[in-house]
């Protein structure tokens, strides 16, 4: 129990750090875009400032819950480390996407680097074969990438390329099984949320709808159900 409480407190601190880091990342990304002469299109904002503050509070509380389930489900310290790293990157992605409707490439790159580093640790200390690592990581990435690109084609751009890259990076880091479970839950959550907003005419069918938050919550539900 002490470990579960400790990890929950750690996740509370990490949630605050994720909020701070995401805002720093947004400022940096904006400067990079301006230096390149790129101006992002204005997007239809779904939530006002008050609603966003409520979502931030829920995010922090949800993070504490995820910390508890991370400690409960992880088989060892390394598993806690892997799940915590997955949580943190997805948390930052959710906040940035929710605020700016983008998934910065730097987050995808960090995901890929994290996958390589954790893979090397498993090879060196957990006797994972390098061929098995390559098959699990690269194989998972390419399989899910092909599936998502097909979805982009069929939906005529309904799924953004930033979302595609994020899902592919999750597959590289966690494997095809975990990535598909997170994908399934995030799509279900998105549909449940999108349809009422559409019926209430809060958004239009062609309006951008940030997937990062749904990916994060989908990951959380998968963790709480012990599916990843």
Protein backbone atom coordinates (compact mmCIF):
# COMPACT_ATOMS: atom_id res chain seq x y z
CA UNK A 1 0.00 0.00 0.00
CA UNK A 2 2.86 2.37 0.81
CA UNK A 3 4.26 1.88 -2.68
CA UNK A 4 0.87 2.60 -4.28
CA UNK A 5 0.44 5.80 -2.28
CA UNK A 6 4.01 6.83 -3.06
CA UNK A 7 3.58 6.33 -6.81
CA UNK A 8 0.25 8.20 -6.68
CA UNK A 9 1.99 11.17 -5.06
CA UNK A 10 4.75 10.93 -7.67
CA UNK A 11 2.13 11.05 -10.44
CA UNK A 12 0.56 14.13 -8.84
CA UNK A 13 3.94 15.86 -9.05
CA UNK A 14 4.50 14.60 -12.59
CA UNK A 15 1.09 15.92 -13.65
CA UNK A 16 2.08 19.41 -12.51
CA UNK A 17 5.41 19.02 -14.31
CA UNK A 18 3.60 17.85 -17.46
CA UNK A 19 1.43 20.97 -17.43
CA UNK A 20 4.48 23.22 -17.03
CA UNK A 21 6.50 21.38 -19.67
CA UNK A 22 3.64 21.34 -22.16
CA UNK A 23 3.22 25.11 -21.96
CA UNK A 24 6.98 25.57 -22.39
CA UNK A 25 6.84 23.25 -25.40
CA UNK A 26 3.94 25.22 -26.90
CA UNK A 27 5.89 28.49 -26.62
CA UNK A 28 8.96 26.87 -28.19
CA UNK A 29 6.92 25.34 -31.01
CA UNK A 30 5.23 28.66 -31.72
CA UNK A 31 8.61 30.39 -32.01
CA UNK A 32 9.86 27.66 -34.35
CA UNK A 33 6.79 28.10 -36.56
CA UNK A 34 7.20 31.88 -36.65
CA UNK A 35 10.87 31.62 -37.58
CA UNK A 36 9.89 29.41 -40.52
CA UNK A 37 7.15 31.81 -41.56
CA UNK A 38 4.44 29.27 -40.81
CA UNK A 39 1.18 30.50 -39.34
CA UNK A 40 -1.16 27.92 -37.89
CA UNK A 41 -4.81 28.12 -38.89
CA UNK A 42 -7.29 29.23 -36.26
CA UNK A 43 -9.27 26.31 -34.87
CA UNK A 44 -12.74 26.25 -33.36
CA UNK A 45 -12.32 26.19 -29.57
CA UNK A 46 -14.64 23.81 -27.79
CA UNK A 47 -13.95 24.74 -24.15
CA UNK A 48 -13.79 28.13 -22.48
CA UNK A 49 -11.25 29.08 -19.79
CA UNK A 50 -13.42 27.86 -16.91
CA UNK A 51 -13.98 24.49 -18.56
CA UNK A 52 -10.25 24.14 -19.25
CA UNK A 53 -9.44 24.78 -15.58
CA UNK A 54 -11.89 22.04 -14.58
CA UNK A 55 -10.26 19.68 -17.08
CA UNK A 56 -6.83 20.45 -15.62
CA UNK A 57 -8.08 19.55 -12.12
CA UNK A 58 -9.58 16.31 -13.43
CA UNK A 59 -6.32 15.59 -15.23
CA UNK A 60 -4.33 15.93 -11.99
CA UNK A 61 -6.76 13.72 -10.04
CA UNK A 62 -6.83 11.14 -12.83
CA UNK A 63 -3.03 11.11 -12.79
CA UNK A 64 -3.03 10.18 -9.10
CA UNK A 65 -5.40 7.30 -9.85
CA UNK A 66 -3.12 6.13 -12.67
CA UNK A 67 -0.18 6.21 -10.26
CA UNK A 68 -2.05 3.83 -7.96
CA UNK A 69 -2.84 1.39 -10.77
CA UNK A 70 0.70 1.63 -12.14
CA UNK A 71 2.06 0.42 -8.79
CA UNK A 72 -0.63 -2.26 -8.62
CA UNK A 73 -0.11 -3.70 -12.11
CA UNK A 74 3.66 -3.34 -12.61
CA UNK A 75 5.60 -6.54 -12.01
CA UNK A 76 8.87 -4.82 -11.11
CA UNK A 77 10.62 -1.45 -10.85
CA UNK A 78 11.48 -1.38 -14.55
CA UNK A 79 7.81 -1.92 -15.46
CA UNK A 80 6.90 1.06 -13.25
CA UNK A 81 9.53 3.11 -15.06
CA UNK A 82 8.20 2.11 -18.50
CA UNK A 83 4.58 2.83 -17.59
CA UNK A 84 5.49 6.13 -15.95
CA UNK A 85 7.42 7.27 -19.01
CA UNK A 86 4.47 6.30 -21.21
CA UNK A 87 2.13 8.23 -18.91
CA UNK A 88 4.26 11.37 -18.92
CA UNK A 89 4.72 11.59 -22.70
CA UNK A 90 1.03 10.98 -23.34
CA UNK A 91 0.11 13.55 -20.68
CA UNK A 92 2.21 16.24 -22.37
CA UNK A 93 0.82 15.27 -25.78
CA UNK A 94 -2.75 15.51 -24.44
CA UNK A 95 -2.23 19.00 -23.02
CA UNK A 96 -0.45 20.37 -26.10
CA UNK A 97 -3.02 18.87 -28.46
CA UNK A 98 -5.88 20.14 -26.34
CA UNK A 99 -4.49 23.67 -26.33
CA UNK A 100 -3.02 23.95 -29.83
CA UNK A 101 -4.57 21.05 -31.78
CA UNK A 102 -1.14 19.69 -32.70
CA UNK A 103 1.12 16.78 -31.78
CA UNK A 104 4.66 18.23 -32.06
CA UNK A 105 7.16 15.99 -33.84
CA UNK A 106 9.55 16.39 -30.90
CA UNK A 107 7.17 14.34 -28.72
CA UNK A 108 7.07 11.55 -31.29
CA UNK A 109 10.88 11.62 -31.47
CA UNK A 110 11.13 11.43 -27.67
CA UNK A 111 8.78 8.43 -27.76
CA UNK A 112 10.98 6.66 -30.31
CA UNK A 113 14.17 7.42 -28.36
CA UNK A 114 12.50 6.18 -25.16
CA UNK A 115 11.55 2.98 -26.96
CA UNK A 116 15.14 2.41 -28.06
CA UNK A 117 16.55 3.12 -24.59
CA UNK A 118 14.09 0.86 -22.76
CA UNK A 119 14.64 -1.81 -25.42
CA UNK A 120 18.40 -1.69 -24.88
CA UNK A 121 17.86 -2.04 -21.13
CA UNK A 122 15.74 -5.12 -21.72
CA UNK A 123 18.38 -6.57 -24.04
CA UNK A 124 21.25 -5.93 -21.62
CA UNK A 125 19.60 -6.72 -18.29
CA UNK A 126 16.48 -8.77 -19.04
CA UNK A 127 17.96 -11.03 -21.74
CA UNK A 128 15.62 -9.90 -24.50
CA UNK A 129 17.02 -10.93 -27.88
CA UNK A 130 17.80 -8.03 -30.21
CA UNK A 131 15.94 -9.77 -33.04
CA UNK A 132 12.89 -10.09 -30.82
CA UNK A 133 13.19 -6.42 -29.88
CA UNK A 134 13.36 -5.34 -33.52
CA UNK A 135 10.41 -7.53 -34.44
CA UNK A 136 8.30 -6.24 -31.54
CA UNK A 137 9.14 -2.55 -31.94
CA UNK A 138 9.62 -2.00 -35.67
CA UNK A 139 7.09 -4.64 -36.63
CA UNK A 140 4.47 -3.10 -34.36
CA UNK A 141 5.24 0.39 -35.67
CA UNK A 142 4.90 -0.52 -39.35
CA UNK A 143 1.80 -2.67 -38.92
CA UNK A 144 -0.09 0.03 -37.04
CA UNK A 145 1.27 2.76 -39.32
CA UNK A 146 -0.09 1.00 -42.41
CA UNK A 147 -3.46 0.50 -40.74
CA UNK A 148 -3.67 4.15 -39.68
CA UNK A 149 -2.62 5.46 -43.08
CA UNK A 150 -5.43 3.37 -44.57
CA UNK A 151 -7.80 4.98 -42.07
CA UNK A 152 -6.56 8.45 -43.09
CA UNK A 153 -7.24 7.59 -46.73
CA UNK A 154 -10.71 6.16 -46.06
CA UNK A 155 -11.71 9.00 -43.76
CA UNK A 156 -10.37 11.58 -46.23
CA UNK A 157 -8.17 13.27 -43.66
CA UNK A 158 -10.49 12.79 -40.69
CA UNK A 159 -7.55 11.46 -38.70
CA UNK A 160 -4.64 13.89 -38.45
CA UNK A 161 -1.07 12.89 -39.27
CA UNK A 162 0.03 14.01 -35.83
CA UNK A 163 -2.35 11.44 -34.34
CA UNK A 164 -1.05 8.80 -36.74
CA UNK A 165 2.54 9.44 -35.68
CA UNK A 166 1.59 9.37 -32.00
CA UNK A 167 -0.21 6.01 -32.30
CA UNK A 168 2.71 4.58 -34.30
CA UNK A 169 5.16 5.76 -31.64
CA UNK A 170 3.05 4.10 -28.94
CA UNK A 171 3.19 0.85 -30.93
CA UNK A 172 6.99 1.17 -31.18
CA UNK A 173 7.27 1.77 -27.44
CA UNK A 174 4.63 -0.59 -26.05
CA UNK A 175 3.97 -3.15 -28.78
CA UNK A 176 1.09 -3.71 -31.16
CA UNK A 177 -1.27 -5.20 -28.55
CA UNK A 178 -1.09 -2.25 -26.13
CA UNK A 179 -1.26 0.27 -28.98
CA UNK A 180 -4.40 -1.33 -30.46
CA UNK A 181 -6.12 -1.41 -27.06
CA UNK A 182 -5.33 2.28 -26.50
CA UNK A 183 -6.45 3.02 -30.06
CA UNK A 184 -9.77 1.24 -29.52
CA UNK A 185 -10.59 3.01 -26.26
CA UNK A 186 -9.53 6.42 -27.56
CA UNK A 187 -11.73 6.07 -30.66
CA UNK A 188 -14.72 4.99 -28.55
CA UNK A 189 -14.22 7.92 -26.17
CA UNK A 190 -13.84 10.33 -29.08
CA UNK A 191 -17.09 9.12 -30.65
CA UNK A 192 -18.97 9.35 -27.35
CA UNK A 193 -17.75 12.93 -26.90
CA UNK A 194 -17.90 14.12 -30.51
CA UNK A 195 -21.47 13.09 -31.29
CA UNK A 196 -23.16 15.09 -28.48
CA UNK A 197 -21.10 18.18 -29.35
CA UNK A 198 -22.15 17.72 -32.96
CA UNK A 199 -25.84 17.34 -32.08
CA UNK A 200 -25.69 20.42 -29.84
CA UNK A 201 -24.05 22.32 -32.72
CA UNK A 202 -21.04 23.18 -30.56
CA UNK A 203 -18.85 21.97 -33.42
CA UNK A 204 -19.21 21.17 -37.09
CA UNK A 205 -18.42 17.86 -38.78
CA UNK A 206 -15.26 19.31 -40.37
CA UNK A 207 -13.96 21.04 -37.22
CA UNK A 208 -10.66 19.84 -35.79
CA UNK A 209 -11.09 17.63 -32.73
CA UNK A 210 -7.94 16.98 -30.64
CA UNK A 211 -7.30 13.26 -30.13
CA UNK A 212 -4.43 13.62 -27.65
CA UNK A 213 -6.70 13.76 -24.62
CA UNK A 214 -8.63 10.69 -25.74
CA UNK A 215 -5.38 8.79 -26.28
CA UNK A 216 -4.32 9.70 -22.74
CA UNK A 217 -7.63 8.64 -21.18
CA UNK A 218 -7.69 5.53 -23.36
CA UNK A 219 -4.27 4.63 -21.99
CA UNK A 220 -5.57 5.22 -18.45
CA UNK A 221 -8.59 2.98 -18.91
CA UNK A 222 -6.39 0.26 -20.43
CA UNK A 223 -4.08 0.47 -17.42
CA UNK A 224 -6.91 0.36 -14.86
CA UNK A 225 -8.36 -2.72 -16.58
CA UNK A 226 -4.90 -4.35 -16.55
CA UNK A 227 -4.93 -4.65 -20.33
CA UNK A 228 -1.45 -3.15 -20.81
